[in-house]
Amino acid sequence: MKKNCTVTLLGVAVLIAATPLSIWASGNNDSGSKVTTIEFAQWWAPEMPAGSLEKVIAGFEAKNPDIKVKLISNPTGEHQQWVTVAAASGTLSDVVAVEPALMDSMVKQNVIMSLEDLIKRDNFNLDQLASIPRVDGKIWLFQVATFFYPLFYNTDLFKAAGIANPPRTHSEFIDACAKLTDPARNVYGWSFPMTVNPPFGSQNQILAWLWASQKSAFQNGKPNINTPDAAVVYNMLKTIYDRKIINPGSLTKSEPEEMEEFANGNAAMMFGSIAHINPIHERNPNLNYALAPVPVADNYTGKPGICYAAWGVGIAPNSKHKDEAWRLVQYLVSPEANAAIAQSSNSFPGNKNAKPDYSAADPHFAEAFRVFQQVDLKNELIGANNVWNLVTIMAEEIHGLLEGKQTTAMTLANTQERWLEEYK
């Protein structure tokens, strides 16, 4: 399967008892015509200020009085499970939010349909988009917003531990974790979420270290994770885990739980999306924290890289209202709506012509922008084969390492072998 990606610039549970299908709603608009109700399933609303996404949707409905939109909102970790259940049962919403790194898997699971025919039919202007990821040379989703994953650190805890600056290297990070950890107060240096399901801690908590030093997990489009550079990262993670200077329960912890630990002051550091700025403020408006690049290998002196992710949106193949869904997808990447979404979510817009007003944003976003200017955005998983399987394999194998069942060399060899199987 040939893929490419042009970039300019995330616990299994039964989430719903039943998923309603999009239906024709009886009703009249001002012109007396029928109103179509479509569903939009996403994780965005929980990460935006209350009512923000609803306001964007109201703007769409005002311009399209013949369409009503029902939002299906789940937290980040639960959304993917919702999609999996809905895809298997044939009850997907008309419009589905998708993490672009999962695009290949979502295409194979029949979660999203190709947008090529709709783009050509309506002569949609692709030049306005900042990023156009593809699978099999086709466009399956539009990227609405882009986020990166800096180091969040609690400045009060740093000051109390006598640490003047955020760690810049692996050694400094280990030293900081040790100084910040105080089990008697339930405070630890770093929250390291590494649950297997959902498994995206593998990208944001492991590969992020590799990309920070501008190293790669792929070569010529194929997996290449069994390298000395990756061994440095895995050995560091093993050291931190064995010294118990991270929050307990890492191997079953999800990223939403990581954010809660940081917001509650139980974790001094975390790798988090800039989308977490809003939820952290809602949970603890008095938390004093700052942002920094991800620490690099001790011998690395170049420009840091940083992991990024995005909010993508596509149309379910089973939708009975594809034209209405397509109108919503186009609206979400229009300059007006895209600026509002980026502004509310503290993200970078997917439309080049969008002009978000960040003047009223949380001050941490200005700090995030300063970090953004110091780094290169990296994500080798966008466009990769079977990404869900790749990150699951990585999580499973590092569990073996951290539990003492295998060495770093065995862990990387196993990961490489299993990754290559995904490419056959």
Protein backbone atom coordinates (compact mmCIF):
# COMPACT_ATOMS: atom_id res chain seq x y z
CA MET A 1 0.00 0.00 0.00
CA LYS A 2 1.64 3.19 -1.14
CA LYS A 3 1.25 6.21 1.09
CA ASN A 4 2.53 9.74 1.34
CA CYS A 5 1.95 12.68 3.62
CA THR A 6 2.61 16.35 2.95
CA VAL A 7 2.94 18.22 6.24
CA THR A 8 3.32 21.89 6.97
CA LEU A 9 2.73 21.83 10.10
CA LEU A 10 -4.15 10.65 19.94
CA GLY A 11 -9.05 0.62 28.65
CA VAL A 12 -11.51 -1.11 26.52
CA ALA A 13 -15.02 -0.27 27.71
CA VAL A 14 -18.51 -0.46 26.35
CA LEU A 15 -19.12 3.18 25.74
CA ILE A 16 -22.71 3.21 24.70
CA ALA A 17 -25.69 0.95 25.03
CA ALA A 18 -26.86 1.88 21.56
CA THR A 19 -25.71 4.25 18.86
CA PRO A 20 -28.48 6.12 17.07
CA LEU A 21 -28.31 6.31 13.31
CA SER A 22 -28.57 9.62 11.49
CA ILE A 23 -32.20 10.01 10.53
CA TRP A 24 -34.55 12.26 8.63
CA ALA A 25 -36.06 14.59 11.17
CA SER A 26 -39.55 15.79 10.65
CA GLY A 27 -39.65 19.53 10.84
CA ASN A 28 -39.73 22.67 8.83
CA ASN A 29 -37.22 25.45 8.34
CA ASP A 30 -38.15 28.94 7.21
CA SER A 31 -38.60 27.80 3.61
CA GLY A 32 -40.82 24.89 4.60
CA SER A 33 -38.41 22.20 3.38
CA LYS A 34 -37.41 19.11 5.31
CA VAL A 35 -34.55 19.24 7.79
CA THR A 36 -31.92 16.48 7.78
CA THR A 37 -30.28 15.54 11.07
CA ILE A 38 -26.71 14.26 10.86
CA GLU A 39 -24.38 13.08 13.61
CA PHE A 40 -20.83 14.24 14.23
CA ALA A 41 -18.78 11.97 16.52
CA GLN A 42 -15.65 13.55 18.01
CA TRP A 43 -13.48 14.02 21.08
CA TRP A 44 -13.01 17.74 20.45
CA ALA A 45 -15.78 19.23 22.61
CA PRO A 46 -14.34 17.84 25.90
CA GLU A 47 -10.99 19.50 25.08
CA MET A 48 -12.46 22.91 24.16
CA PRO A 49 -14.07 25.47 26.50
CA ALA A 50 -17.68 24.51 27.21
CA GLY A 51 -19.97 25.48 24.37
CA SER A 52 -17.18 26.32 21.89
CA LEU A 53 -17.79 23.51 19.42
CA GLU A 54 -21.53 23.95 19.79
CA LYS A 55 -21.07 27.59 18.73
CA VAL A 56 -19.20 26.50 15.59
CA ILE A 57 -21.99 24.03 14.78
CA ALA A 58 -24.60 26.75 15.32
CA GLY A 59 -22.77 28.82 12.73
CA PHE A 60 -22.96 25.92 10.29
CA GLU A 61 -26.67 25.41 10.94
CA ALA A 62 -27.34 29.12 10.41
CA LYS A 63 -25.74 28.87 6.96
CA ASN A 64 -27.43 25.52 6.26
CA PRO A 65 -30.96 25.75 7.70
CA ASP A 66 -31.89 22.43 6.11
CA ILE A 67 -29.34 20.56 8.28
CA LYS A 68 -29.21 19.92 12.01
CA VAL A 69 -26.10 18.45 13.63
CA LYS A 70 -26.14 16.15 16.65
CA LEU A 71 -22.80 16.06 18.46
CA ILE A 72 -21.59 12.73 19.86
CA SER A 73 -18.82 13.67 22.31
CA ASN A 74 -16.44 11.29 24.10
CA PRO A 75 -13.06 11.89 25.78
CA THR A 76 -9.97 11.26 23.66
CA GLY A 77 -9.23 7.74 24.85
CA GLU A 78 -12.86 6.64 24.65
CA HIS A 79 -13.55 8.07 21.19
CA GLN A 80 -11.46 5.46 19.39
CA GLN A 81 -13.25 2.67 21.24
CA TRP A 82 -16.56 4.26 20.30
CA VAL A 83 -15.50 4.32 16.65
CA THR A 84 -14.40 0.68 16.76
CA VAL A 85 -17.69 -0.46 18.29
CA ALA A 86 -19.77 1.69 15.92
CA ALA A 87 -17.85 0.54 12.84
CA ALA A 88 -18.32 -3.11 13.78
CA SER A 89 -22.06 -2.63 14.34
CA GLY A 90 -22.64 -0.42 11.30
CA THR A 91 -23.81 2.51 13.40
CA LEU A 92 -21.12 5.10 12.72
CA SER A 93 -22.07 8.74 12.78
CA ASP A 94 -22.23 10.54 9.43
CA VAL A 95 -19.16 12.66 10.19
CA VAL A 96 -16.33 11.12 12.21
CA ALA A 97 -13.33 12.78 13.82
CA VAL A 98 -10.15 10.78 13.15
CA GLU A 99 -6.56 11.04 14.34
CA PRO A 100 -4.63 11.29 11.03
CA ALA A 101 -1.97 8.90 12.30
CA LEU A 102 -4.72 6.25 12.37
CA MET A 103 -5.87 7.02 8.85
CA ASP A 104 -4.58 3.77 7.30
CA SER A 105 -6.30 1.68 9.97
CA MET A 106 -9.51 3.69 9.69
CA VAL A 107 -9.58 3.16 5.93
CA LYS A 108 -9.11 -0.60 6.39
CA GLN A 109 -11.84 -0.72 9.04
CA ASN A 110 -14.20 1.14 6.68
CA VAL A 111 -14.58 4.02 9.13
CA ILE A 112 -14.01 6.75 6.53
CA MET A 113 -14.60 6.95 2.79
CA SER A 114 -12.46 8.54 0.10
CA LEU A 115 -13.27 12.22 -0.42
CA GLU A 116 -11.79 12.26 -3.93
CA ASP A 117 -15.10 12.19 -5.85
CA LEU A 118 -16.65 14.91 -3.68
CA ILE A 119 -13.54 17.08 -3.99
CA LYS A 120 -13.59 16.80 -7.79
CA ARG A 121 -17.36 17.19 -8.07
CA ASP A 122 -17.36 20.50 -6.16
CA ASN A 123 -13.92 21.65 -7.31
CA PHE A 124 -12.88 22.00 -3.67
CA ASN A 125 -9.74 24.15 -3.34
CA LEU A 126 -7.05 21.95 -1.75
CA ASP A 127 -4.49 24.76 -1.87
CA GLN A 128 -6.12 26.35 1.18
CA LEU A 129 -5.17 23.39 3.39
CA ALA A 130 -1.94 23.41 5.36
CA SER A 131 -1.59 19.62 5.33
CA ILE A 132 -2.97 16.92 3.05
CA PRO A 133 -2.30 13.37 4.29
CA ARG A 134 -3.04 10.56 1.85
CA VAL A 135 -3.40 6.78 1.80
CA ASP A 136 -3.10 4.97 -1.55
CA GLY A 137 -2.71 8.40 -3.12
CA LYS A 138 -6.22 9.36 -2.03
CA ILE A 139 -7.60 11.90 0.44
CA TRP A 140 -9.77 10.37 3.16
CA LEU A 141 -9.91 13.17 5.69
CA PHE A 142 -9.13 16.85 6.18
CA GLN A 143 -6.89 18.05 9.01
CA VAL A 144 -8.78 20.65 11.02
CA ALA A 145 -6.24 21.51 13.72
CA THR A 146 -2.65 20.62 14.63
CA PHE A 147 -1.21 20.13 18.12
CA PHE A 148 2.22 19.28 19.41
CA TYR A 149 3.35 17.60 22.62
CA PRO A 150 5.71 19.67 24.76
CA LEU A 151 6.95 18.92 28.26
CA PHE A 152 4.55 20.32 30.88
CA TYR A 153 6.25 20.97 34.23
CA ASN A 154 4.94 22.16 37.58
CA THR A 155 6.92 25.28 38.46
CA ASP A 156 5.97 25.20 42.15
CA LEU A 157 7.22 21.64 42.54
CA PHE A 158 10.39 22.50 40.61
CA LYS A 159 11.05 25.46 42.89
CA ALA A 160 10.44 23.40 46.03
CA ALA A 161 12.90 20.75 44.74
CA GLY A 162 15.54 23.40 44.01
CA ILE A 163 15.42 22.89 40.23
CA ALA A 164 15.85 26.18 38.40
CA ASN A 165 15.16 25.12 34.81
CA PRO A 166 13.31 22.37 32.94
CA PRO A 167 15.50 19.38 31.99
CA ARG A 168 17.18 19.64 28.58
CA THR A 169 18.76 16.18 28.35
CA HIS A 170 18.01 12.59 29.34
CA SER A 171 20.40 12.78 32.31
CA GLU A 172 18.87 16.01 33.54
CA PHE A 173 15.41 14.50 33.18
CA ILE A 174 16.29 11.44 35.28
CA ASP A 175 17.89 13.68 37.91
CA ALA A 176 14.81 15.93 37.99
CA CYS A 177 12.45 12.96 38.35
CA ALA A 178 14.45 11.74 41.34
CA LYS A 179 14.47 15.13 43.07
CA LEU A 180 10.77 15.72 42.44
CA THR A 181 9.55 12.33 43.68
CA ASP A 182 8.11 12.22 47.20
CA PRO A 183 5.95 9.09 47.67
CA ALA A 184 4.90 10.23 51.15
CA ARG A 185 3.10 13.18 49.52
CA ASN A 186 1.97 11.14 46.49
CA VAL A 187 4.11 13.31 44.21
CA TYR A 188 6.26 11.79 41.46
CA GLY A 189 8.59 13.16 38.84
CA TRP A 190 6.77 12.08 35.71
CA SER A 191 3.48 10.55 34.67
CA PHE A 192 4.16 7.83 32.08
CA PRO A 193 0.87 6.43 30.67
CA MET A 194 1.52 3.16 28.86
CA THR A 195 -1.75 1.25 28.70
CA VAL A 196 -2.04 -1.08 25.72
CA ASN A 197 -5.59 0.00 24.96
CA PRO A 198 -5.65 2.68 23.77
CA PRO A 199 -1.96 2.37 22.90
CA PHE A 200 -1.01 5.87 21.81
CA GLY A 201 1.33 6.34 24.74
CA SER A 202 3.77 4.53 22.44
CA GLN A 203 3.81 7.51 20.10
CA ASN A 204 3.60 10.33 22.62
CA GLN A 205 5.69 8.85 25.43
CA ILE A 206 8.30 6.66 23.64
CA LEU A 207 8.77 7.77 20.03
CA ALA A 208 8.62 11.38 21.25
CA TRP A 209 12.02 10.82 22.91
CA LEU A 210 13.51 9.48 19.68
CA TRP A 211 12.11 12.30 17.55
CA ALA A 212 13.32 14.90 20.08
CA SER A 213 16.91 14.11 19.07
CA GLN A 214 15.91 14.03 15.36
CA LYS A 215 16.25 10.25 15.24
CA SER A 216 13.96 7.94 13.31
CA ALA A 217 11.98 4.73 13.78
CA PHE A 218 11.66 4.23 10.01
CA GLN A 219 14.04 4.12 7.05
CA ASN A 220 13.01 4.32 3.41
CA GLY A 221 9.39 3.92 4.41
CA LYS A 222 9.95 0.70 6.38
CA PRO A 223 10.28 0.06 10.15
CA ASN A 224 13.76 0.59 11.56
CA ILE A 225 13.24 0.68 15.33
CA ASN A 226 16.05 -1.71 16.35
CA THR A 227 18.82 0.90 16.49
CA PRO A 228 21.37 2.16 19.04
CA ASP A 229 19.45 5.45 19.25
CA ALA A 230 16.26 3.63 20.25
CA ALA A 231 18.24 1.56 22.77
CA VAL A 232 19.33 4.78 24.49
CA VAL A 233 15.67 5.79 24.90
CA TYR A 234 14.54 2.36 26.13
CA ASN A 235 17.39 2.08 28.61
CA MET A 236 16.51 5.50 30.01
CA LEU A 237 12.84 4.54 30.39
CA LYS A 238 13.85 1.29 32.11
CA THR A 239 16.05 3.24 34.54
CA ILE A 240 13.26 5.65 35.43
CA TYR A 241 10.76 2.83 35.88
CA ASP A 242 13.07 0.71 38.03
CA ARG A 243 13.90 3.67 40.27
CA LYS A 244 10.16 4.25 40.85
CA ILE A 245 10.43 7.96 40.16
CA ILE A 246 7.29 7.99 38.02
CA ASN A 247 3.66 7.74 39.11
CA PRO A 248 2.64 4.18 40.01
CA GLY A 249 0.45 2.18 37.66
CA SER A 250 2.10 3.31 34.43
CA LEU A 251 1.38 0.10 32.52
CA THR A 252 -2.38 0.45 32.89
CA LYS A 253 -2.59 4.23 32.79
CA SER A 254 -4.20 6.23 29.98
CA GLU A 255 -3.30 9.73 28.84
CA PRO A 256 -6.48 11.29 30.32
CA GLU A 257 -5.36 9.85 33.67
CA GLU A 258 -1.90 11.34 33.11
CA MET A 259 -3.47 14.76 32.64
CA GLU A 260 -5.51 14.37 35.83
CA GLU A 261 -2.36 13.48 37.80
CA PHE A 262 -0.60 16.55 36.49
CA ALA A 263 -3.58 18.87 37.05
CA ASN A 264 -3.91 17.57 40.62
CA GLY A 265 -0.24 18.21 41.38
CA ASN A 266 0.61 14.51 41.77
CA ALA A 267 2.92 14.48 38.73
CA ALA A 268 5.60 17.13 38.34
CA MET A 269 6.00 16.53 34.58
CA MET A 270 4.09 15.10 31.65
CA PHE A 271 4.24 15.03 27.87
CA GLY A 272 0.90 16.48 26.86
CA SER A 273 -0.88 17.95 23.87
CA ILE A 274 -1.33 21.70 23.85
CA ALA A 275 -5.03 20.78 23.65
CA HIS A 276 -4.68 19.88 27.35
CA ILE A 277 -4.18 23.53 28.30
CA ASN A 278 -7.93 24.14 28.48
CA PRO A 279 -8.86 21.01 30.50
CA ILE A 280 -5.99 21.60 32.95
CA HIS A 281 -7.24 25.13 33.57
CA GLU A 282 -10.78 23.86 34.12
CA ARG A 283 -9.61 21.23 36.61
CA ASN A 284 -7.12 23.42 38.48
CA PRO A 285 -7.07 27.12 37.49
CA ASN A 286 -4.50 27.80 40.22
CA LEU A 287 -1.92 25.32 38.94
CA ASN A 288 1.40 26.97 38.16
CA TYR A 289 3.15 25.28 35.28
CA ALA A 290 5.22 26.00 32.20
CA LEU A 291 6.10 24.33 28.89
CA ALA A 292 9.41 23.27 27.35
CA PRO A 293 10.78 21.11 24.52
CA VAL A 294 11.13 17.36 25.11
CA PRO A 295 14.60 16.60 26.51
CA VAL A 296 17.18 15.29 24.03
CA ALA A 297 19.91 12.65 24.21
CA ASP A 298 22.93 13.76 26.24
CA ASN A 299 25.22 13.99 23.20
CA TYR A 300 22.72 15.76 20.90
CA THR A 301 23.26 19.47 20.23
CA GLY A 302 21.00 20.20 17.25
CA LYS A 303 17.47 21.58 16.96
CA PRO A 304 14.98 19.47 18.93
CA GLY A 305 12.13 17.64 17.27
CA ILE A 306 8.71 17.34 18.86
CA CYS A 307 5.80 14.95 18.41
CA TYR A 308 2.65 16.36 16.87
CA ALA A 309 -0.85 15.11 16.26
CA ALA A 310 -3.93 16.52 14.60
CA TRP A 311 -7.69 16.61 14.56
CA GLY A 312 -8.92 15.14 11.31
CA VAL A 313 -12.46 14.74 10.03
CA GLY A 314 -13.99 12.39 7.48
CA ILE A 315 -17.28 10.87 6.32
CA ALA A 316 -18.52 7.40 7.25
CA PRO A 317 -19.16 5.13 4.23
CA ASN A 318 -22.47 4.00 5.74
CA SER A 319 -23.83 7.57 6.03
CA LYS A 320 -27.22 8.01 4.40
CA HIS A 321 -26.60 11.74 4.15
CA LYS A 322 -23.20 12.05 2.50
CA ASP A 323 -23.95 15.37 0.80
CA GLU A 324 -24.97 16.98 4.08
CA ALA A 325 -21.96 15.42 5.81
CA TRP A 326 -19.69 16.77 3.09
CA ARG A 327 -21.08 20.27 3.63
CA LEU A 328 -20.19 20.02 7.34
CA VAL A 329 -16.68 18.73 6.59
CA GLN A 330 -16.08 21.63 4.20
CA TYR A 331 -17.38 24.10 6.77
CA LEU A 332 -15.06 22.80 9.50
CA VAL A 333 -12.01 23.62 7.35
CA SER A 334 -13.38 26.93 6.06
CA PRO A 335 -11.40 29.99 7.23
CA GLU A 336 -14.19 31.20 9.51
CA ALA A 337 -14.93 27.96 11.33
CA ASN A 338 -11.33 26.78 11.30
CA ALA A 339 -10.17 29.99 12.97
CA ALA A 340 -12.81 29.57 15.69
CA ILE A 341 -11.81 25.95 16.35
CA ALA A 342 -8.09 26.75 16.47
CA GLN A 343 -8.72 29.72 18.72
CA SER A 344 -10.87 27.74 21.17
CA SER A 345 -8.63 24.66 21.25
CA ASN A 346 -5.25 26.45 21.41
CA SER A 347 -4.15 24.80 18.18
CA PHE A 348 -2.76 25.71 14.79
CA PRO A 349 -5.43 25.90 12.05
CA GLY A 350 -5.69 23.48 9.14
CA ASN A 351 -6.70 26.24 6.72
CA LYS A 352 -3.87 28.52 5.64
CA ASN A 353 -6.29 31.45 5.38
CA ALA A 354 -7.75 31.09 8.86
CA LYS A 355 -6.85 33.94 11.20
CA PRO A 356 -7.41 32.88 14.82
CA ASP A 357 -7.36 35.61 17.45
CA TYR A 358 -5.24 34.25 20.28
CA SER A 359 -5.23 37.50 22.26
CA ALA A 360 -7.69 36.12 24.82
CA ALA A 361 -6.16 32.63 24.91
CA ASP A 362 -4.68 31.07 28.02
CA PRO A 363 -1.19 32.61 28.50
CA HIS A 364 0.25 29.11 28.27
CA PHE A 365 -0.59 29.08 24.58
CA ALA A 366 1.77 32.02 23.99
CA GLU A 367 4.39 29.96 25.80
CA ALA A 368 3.53 26.96 23.62
CA PHE A 369 4.06 29.10 20.54
CA ARG A 370 7.54 30.04 21.79
CA VAL A 371 8.34 26.33 22.17
CA PHE A 372 6.94 25.73 18.68
CA GLN A 373 9.43 28.24 17.27
CA GLN A 374 12.34 26.28 18.79
CA VAL A 375 11.49 22.82 17.41
CA ASP A 376 10.72 20.76 14.30
CA LEU A 377 7.40 18.93 14.18
CA LYS A 378 7.82 15.16 13.81
CA ASN A 379 5.43 12.25 13.33
CA GLU A 380 6.56 9.29 11.26
CA LEU A 381 3.36 7.38 11.95
CA ILE A 382 1.16 9.52 9.71
CA GLY A 383 0.79 7.47 6.54
CA ALA A 384 2.42 4.36 8.06
CA ASN A 385 0.88 0.88 7.69
CA ASN A 386 -1.53 -0.36 10.36
CA VAL A 387 -0.59 2.32 12.87
CA TRP A 388 -2.93 1.02 15.56
CA ASN A 389 -1.15 -2.33 15.41
CA LEU A 390 2.29 -0.69 15.38
CA VAL A 391 1.71 1.33 18.55
CA THR A 392 -0.01 -1.63 20.22
CA ILE A 393 3.02 -3.82 19.49
CA MET A 394 5.35 -1.16 20.86
CA ALA A 395 3.31 -0.88 24.06
CA GLU A 396 3.16 -4.66 24.52
CA GLU A 397 6.90 -5.07 24.05
CA ILE A 398 7.88 -2.26 26.41
CA HIS A 399 5.63 -3.86 29.03
CA GLY A 400 7.89 -6.91 28.76
CA LEU A 401 10.96 -4.73 29.24
CA LEU A 402 9.63 -2.77 32.20
CA GLU A 403 8.30 -5.90 33.91
CA GLY A 404 11.77 -7.45 33.67
CA LYS A 405 10.77 -10.23 31.28
CA GLN A 406 13.18 -9.21 28.51
CA THR A 407 16.18 -7.00 27.81
CA THR A 408 16.26 -3.81 25.75
CA ALA A 409 17.91 -5.72 22.90
CA MET A 410 15.16 -8.35 22.94
CA THR A 411 12.45 -5.70 23.17
CA LEU A 412 13.68 -3.79 20.13
CA ALA A 413 14.33 -6.95 18.12
CA ASN A 414 10.82 -8.21 18.85
CA THR A 415 9.28 -4.85 18.01
CA GLN A 416 11.17 -4.64 14.72
CA GLU A 417 10.20 -8.18 13.71
CA ARG A 418 6.52 -7.66 14.54
CA TRP A 419 6.47 -4.27 12.83
CA LEU A 420 7.88 -5.77 9.64
CA GLU A 421 5.08 -8.34 9.71
CA GLU A 422 2.63 -5.44 9.48
CA TYR A 423 4.34 -4.40 6.23
CA LYS A 424 4.10 -7.78 4.50
